[in-house]
Amino acid sequence: MKLELDLTIAQLMNIANTSTSVLSLAFDIQVGTRTSAARMKLHNITVLSTTMNLGATDSKVTALWGLVPLHVPLQQHLPVFDGFVDLVRCGHAVKRCIPITTMEFLFYDVDRVLRPGGYFWLNHFFIKEVDLERLYLPLILKGFICH
């Protein structure tokens, strides 16, 4: 089901093109099919994608999409330099069941790796509206404004 607030890759590229902001390196924090990350790859964006170490072939499937698989638990720093990434997208991996301290750490680290003028894309599709306003918004504001 498509919602009014859903952002497509085409819309993201239009936003970047109108702002003359280059999108060349993205970090995709998610689990699942990585369809959005693969679509970014079609626009010549190098995509680093988190993988899970569950004894499955998650990293191999990620690499087959043409993405760079990295095993990075949410409790660790993202393995890139400060201000190095053009876009960070959080998908399925970031949801309500994650402890608050882990989410807060993640948002601070996203702010650390984003270059000035970079994009943070929190895919809210899997988040209840009440959680977005009550839980996520204060954490995002704390991580990105007070940091």
C-alpha atoms as a PDB file:
ATOM      1  CA  MET A   1       0.000   0.000   0.000  1.00  0.00           C
ATOM      2  CA  LYS A   2       1.482   3.359  -1.056  1.00  0.00           C
ATOM      3  CA  LEU A   3       1.035   6.241   1.339  1.00  0.00           C
ATOM      4  CA  GLU A   4       1.124   9.951   0.539  1.00  0.00           C
ATOM      5  CA  LEU A   5       4.393  10.367   2.459  1.00  0.00           C
ATOM      6  CA  ASP A   6       6.189   7.476   0.745  1.00  0.00           C
ATOM      7  CA  LEU A   7       9.298   8.645  -1.075  1.00  0.00           C
ATOM      8  CA  THR A   8      10.285   6.916  -4.295  1.00  0.00           C
ATOM      9  CA  ILE A   9      13.804   6.739  -5.705  1.00  0.00           C
ATOM     10  CA  ALA A  10      12.664   8.905  -8.620  1.00  0.00           C
ATOM     11  CA  GLN A  11      11.428  11.570  -6.169  1.00  0.00           C
ATOM     12  CA  LEU A  12      14.684  11.359  -4.226  1.00  0.00           C
ATOM     13  CA  MET A  13      16.694  11.879  -7.425  1.00  0.00           C
ATOM     14  CA  ASN A  14      14.485  14.861  -8.363  1.00  0.00           C
ATOM     15  CA  ILE A  15      15.066  16.415  -4.938  1.00  0.00           C
ATOM     16  CA  ALA A  16      18.819  15.921  -5.261  1.00  0.00           C
ATOM     17  CA  ASN A  17      18.900  17.260  -8.830  1.00  0.00           C
ATOM     18  CA  THR A  18      16.900  20.380  -7.978  1.00  0.00           C
ATOM     19  CA  SER A  19      19.142  21.142  -5.044  1.00  0.00           C
ATOM     20  CA  THR A  20      22.255  20.480  -7.143  1.00  0.00           C
ATOM     21  CA  SER A  21      23.286  18.018  -4.458  1.00  0.00           C
ATOM     22  CA  VAL A  22      25.340  15.091  -5.660  1.00  0.00           C
ATOM     23  CA  LEU A  23      24.298  11.644  -4.512  1.00  0.00           C
ATOM     24  CA  SER A  24      27.202   9.286  -5.021  1.00  0.00           C
ATOM     25  CA  LEU A  25      27.533   7.327  -1.755  1.00  0.00           C
ATOM     26  CA  ALA A  26      24.656   5.999   0.324  1.00  0.00           C
ATOM     27  CA  PHE A  27      24.460   3.892   3.464  1.00  0.00           C
ATOM     28  CA  ASP A  28      21.365   1.684   3.601  1.00  0.00           C
ATOM     29  CA  ILE A  29      20.526   0.422   7.089  1.00  0.00           C
ATOM     30  CA  GLN A  30      17.949  -2.290   6.676  1.00  0.00           C
ATOM     31  CA  VAL A  31      17.137  -5.946   6.349  1.00  0.00           C
ATOM     32  CA  GLY A  32      14.988  -7.460   3.663  1.00  0.00           C
ATOM     33  CA  THR A  33      15.100  -7.439  -0.108  1.00  0.00           C
ATOM     34  CA  ARG A  34      17.185  -4.248  -0.553  1.00  0.00           C
ATOM     35  CA  THR A  35      15.019  -3.212  -3.499  1.00  0.00           C
ATOM     36  CA  SER A  36      15.364   0.501  -2.720  1.00  0.00           C
ATOM     37  CA  ALA A  37      19.131   0.188  -2.434  1.00  0.00           C
ATOM     38  CA  ALA A  38      19.302  -1.676  -5.740  1.00  0.00           C
ATOM     39  CA  ARG A  39      17.241   1.057  -7.390  1.00  0.00           C
ATOM     40  CA  MET A  40      19.660   3.668  -6.058  1.00  0.00           C
ATOM     41  CA  LYS A  41      22.468   1.649  -7.638  1.00  0.00           C
ATOM     42  CA  LEU A  42      20.740   2.086 -11.014  1.00  0.00           C
ATOM     43  CA  HIS A  43      21.334   5.854 -10.594  1.00  0.00           C
ATOM     44  CA  ASN A  44      25.103   5.314 -10.187  1.00  0.00           C
ATOM     45  CA  ILE A  45      24.995   5.617  -6.415  1.00  0.00           C
ATOM     46  CA  THR A  46      27.411   3.362  -4.556  1.00  0.00           C
ATOM     47  CA  VAL A  47      25.396   1.767  -1.767  1.00  0.00           C
ATOM     48  CA  LEU A  48      26.839   0.333   1.435  1.00  0.00           C
ATOM     49  CA  SER A  49      24.238  -1.966   2.969  1.00  0.00           C
ATOM     50  CA  THR A  50      24.074  -3.510   6.405  1.00  0.00           C
ATOM     51  CA  THR A  51      23.788  -7.277   6.567  1.00  0.00           C
ATOM     52  CA  MET A  52      22.943  -9.681   9.338  1.00  0.00           C
ATOM     53  CA  ASN A  53      25.161 -12.559  10.376  1.00  0.00           C
ATOM     54  CA  LEU A  54      22.557 -15.259  10.855  1.00  0.00           C
ATOM     55  CA  GLY A  55      24.426 -18.093   9.157  1.00  0.00           C
ATOM     56  CA  ALA A  56      22.538 -17.274   5.956  1.00  0.00           C
ATOM     57  CA  THR A  57      23.761 -15.885   2.663  1.00  0.00           C
ATOM     58  CA  ASP A  58      22.685 -12.319   3.405  1.00  0.00           C
ATOM     59  CA  SER A  59      26.021 -10.760   2.427  1.00  0.00           C
ATOM     60  CA  LYS A  60      26.193 -12.775  -0.774  1.00  0.00           C
ATOM     61  CA  VAL A  61      22.679 -11.755  -1.838  1.00  0.00           C
ATOM     62  CA  THR A  62      23.514  -8.119  -1.051  1.00  0.00           C
ATOM     63  CA  ALA A  63      26.634  -8.322  -3.219  1.00  0.00           C
ATOM     64  CA  LEU A  64      24.648  -9.926  -6.052  1.00  0.00           C
ATOM     65  CA  TRP A  65      22.475  -6.782  -6.098  1.00  0.00           C
ATOM     66  CA  GLY A  66      25.687  -4.816  -6.790  1.00  0.00           C
ATOM     67  CA  LEU A  67      25.733  -3.342  -3.292  1.00  0.00           C
ATOM     68  CA  VAL A  68      28.579  -3.359  -0.766  1.00  0.00           C
ATOM     69  CA  PRO A  69      27.601  -5.658   2.120  1.00  0.00           C
ATOM     70  CA  LEU A  70      28.818  -4.751   5.616  1.00  0.00           C
ATOM     71  CA  HIS A  71      28.036  -6.624   8.810  1.00  0.00           C
ATOM     72  CA  VAL A  72      27.280  -3.719  11.142  1.00  0.00           C
ATOM     73  CA  PRO A  73      25.093  -4.209  14.216  1.00  0.00           C
ATOM     74  CA  LEU A  74      23.079  -1.130  15.134  1.00  0.00           C
ATOM     75  CA  GLN A  75      25.075  -0.827  18.378  1.00  0.00           C
ATOM     76  CA  GLN A  76      28.332  -0.153  16.483  1.00  0.00           C
ATOM     77  CA  HIS A  77      29.595   2.936  14.725  1.00  0.00           C
ATOM     78  CA  LEU A  78      29.005   2.917  10.980  1.00  0.00           C
ATOM     79  CA  PRO A  79      32.392   2.044   9.441  1.00  0.00           C
ATOM     80  CA  VAL A  80      32.880   5.242   7.433  1.00  0.00           C
ATOM     81  CA  PHE A  81      34.598   8.561   8.086  1.00  0.00           C
ATOM     82  CA  ASP A  82      32.821  11.577   9.547  1.00  0.00           C
ATOM     83  CA  GLY A  83      30.921  13.616   6.952  1.00  0.00           C
ATOM     84  CA  PHE A  84      31.586  11.063   4.223  1.00  0.00           C
ATOM     85  CA  VAL A  85      28.140   9.837   3.130  1.00  0.00           C
ATOM     86  CA  ASP A  86      25.620  11.667   0.917  1.00  0.00           C
ATOM     87  CA  LEU A  87      22.548   9.711   2.048  1.00  0.00           C
ATOM     88  CA  VAL A  88      21.649   7.432   4.942  1.00  0.00           C
ATOM     89  CA  ARG A  89      18.453   5.439   4.530  1.00  0.00           C
ATOM     90  CA  CYS A  90      16.944   3.512   7.446  1.00  0.00           C
ATOM     91  CA  GLY A  91      14.472   0.822   6.477  1.00  0.00           C
ATOM     92  CA  HIS A  92      13.198  -2.364   8.123  1.00  0.00           C
ATOM     93  CA  ALA A  93      16.065  -2.581  10.627  1.00  0.00           C
ATOM     94  CA  VAL A  94      14.961   0.530  12.515  1.00  0.00           C
ATOM     95  CA  LYS A  95      11.683  -0.155  14.271  1.00  0.00           C
ATOM     96  CA  ARG A  96       9.951   0.190  17.589  1.00  0.00           C
ATOM     97  CA  CYS A  97      11.402  -2.973  19.181  1.00  0.00           C
ATOM     98  CA  ILE A  98      14.948  -1.526  19.228  1.00  0.00           C
ATOM     99  CA  PRO A  99      15.971  -0.177  22.654  1.00  0.00           C
ATOM    100  CA  ILE A 100      15.806   3.615  22.923  1.00  0.00           C
ATOM    101  CA  THR A 101      19.524   3.909  23.724  1.00  0.00           C
ATOM    102  CA  THR A 102      20.397   1.945  20.568  1.00  0.00           C
ATOM    103  CA  MET A 103      18.186   4.165  18.404  1.00  0.00           C
ATOM    104  CA  GLU A 104      19.659   7.282  19.987  1.00  0.00           C
ATOM    105  CA  PHE A 105      23.188   6.003  19.290  1.00  0.00           C
ATOM    106  CA  LEU A 106      22.224   5.178  15.706  1.00  0.00           C
ATOM    107  CA  PHE A 107      20.792   8.638  15.029  1.00  0.00           C
ATOM    108  CA  TYR A 108      23.889  10.318  16.490  1.00  0.00           C
ATOM    109  CA  ASP A 109      26.081   8.134  14.294  1.00  0.00           C
ATOM    110  CA  VAL A 110      23.980   8.863  11.204  1.00  0.00           C
ATOM    111  CA  ASP A 111      24.506  12.553  11.901  1.00  0.00           C
ATOM    112  CA  ARG A 112      28.247  11.896  12.257  1.00  0.00           C
ATOM    113  CA  VAL A 113      28.663  10.162   8.883  1.00  0.00           C
ATOM    114  CA  LEU A 114      26.417  12.464   6.830  1.00  0.00           C
ATOM    115  CA  ARG A 115      28.221  15.184   4.896  1.00  0.00           C
ATOM    116  CA  PRO A 116      26.937  18.737   5.316  1.00  0.00           C
ATOM    117  CA  GLY A 117      23.792  18.970   3.184  1.00  0.00           C
ATOM    118  CA  GLY A 118      23.446  15.166   3.106  1.00  0.00           C
ATOM    119  CA  TYR A 119      20.107  13.385   3.290  1.00  0.00           C
ATOM    120  CA  PHE A 120      18.646  11.268   6.084  1.00  0.00           C
ATOM    121  CA  TRP A 121      15.795   9.078   4.852  1.00  0.00           C
ATOM    122  CA  LEU A 122      13.828   7.341   7.599  1.00  0.00           C
ATOM    123  CA  ASN A 123      11.389   5.049   5.881  1.00  0.00           C
ATOM    124  CA  HIS A 124       8.382   5.457   8.173  1.00  0.00           C
ATOM    125  CA  PHE A 125       6.245   2.871   6.375  1.00  0.00           C
ATOM    126  CA  PHE A 126       6.722   0.367   9.208  1.00  0.00           C
ATOM    127  CA  ILE A 127       6.289   2.875  12.016  1.00  0.00           C
ATOM    128  CA  LYS A 128       2.969   3.709  13.647  1.00  0.00           C
ATOM    129  CA  GLU A 129       2.140   7.417  13.499  1.00  0.00           C
ATOM    130  CA  VAL A 130       1.915   7.615  17.286  1.00  0.00           C
ATOM    131  CA  ASP A 131       5.461   6.165  17.530  1.00  0.00           C
ATOM    132  CA  LEU A 132       6.740   8.594  14.917  1.00  0.00           C
ATOM    133  CA  GLU A 133       5.554  11.604  16.901  1.00  0.00           C
ATOM    134  CA  ARG A 134       6.120  10.297  20.427  1.00  0.00           C
ATOM    135  CA  LEU A 135       9.332   8.300  20.021  1.00  0.00           C
ATOM    136  CA  TYR A 136      11.227   8.913  16.799  1.00  0.00           C
ATOM    137  CA  LEU A 137      10.837  12.664  16.343  1.00  0.00           C
ATOM    138  CA  PRO A 138      12.363  13.560  19.742  1.00  0.00           C
ATOM    139  CA  LEU A 139      15.278  11.175  19.100  1.00  0.00           C
ATOM    140  CA  ILE A 140      15.893  12.554  15.624  1.00  0.00           C
ATOM    141  CA  LEU A 141      15.743  16.150  16.829  1.00  0.00           C
ATOM    142  CA  LYS A 142      18.073  15.344  19.711  1.00  0.00           C
ATOM    143  CA  GLY A 143      20.544  13.568  17.426  1.00  0.00           C
ATOM    144  CA  PHE A 144      20.559  16.045  14.565  1.00  0.00           C
ATOM    145  CA  ILE A 145      19.964  19.409  16.218  1.00  0.00           C
ATOM    146  CA  CYS A 146      21.554  19.148  19.654  1.00  0.00           C
ATOM    147  CA  HIS A 147      24.604  17.208  18.496  1.00  0.00           C
END
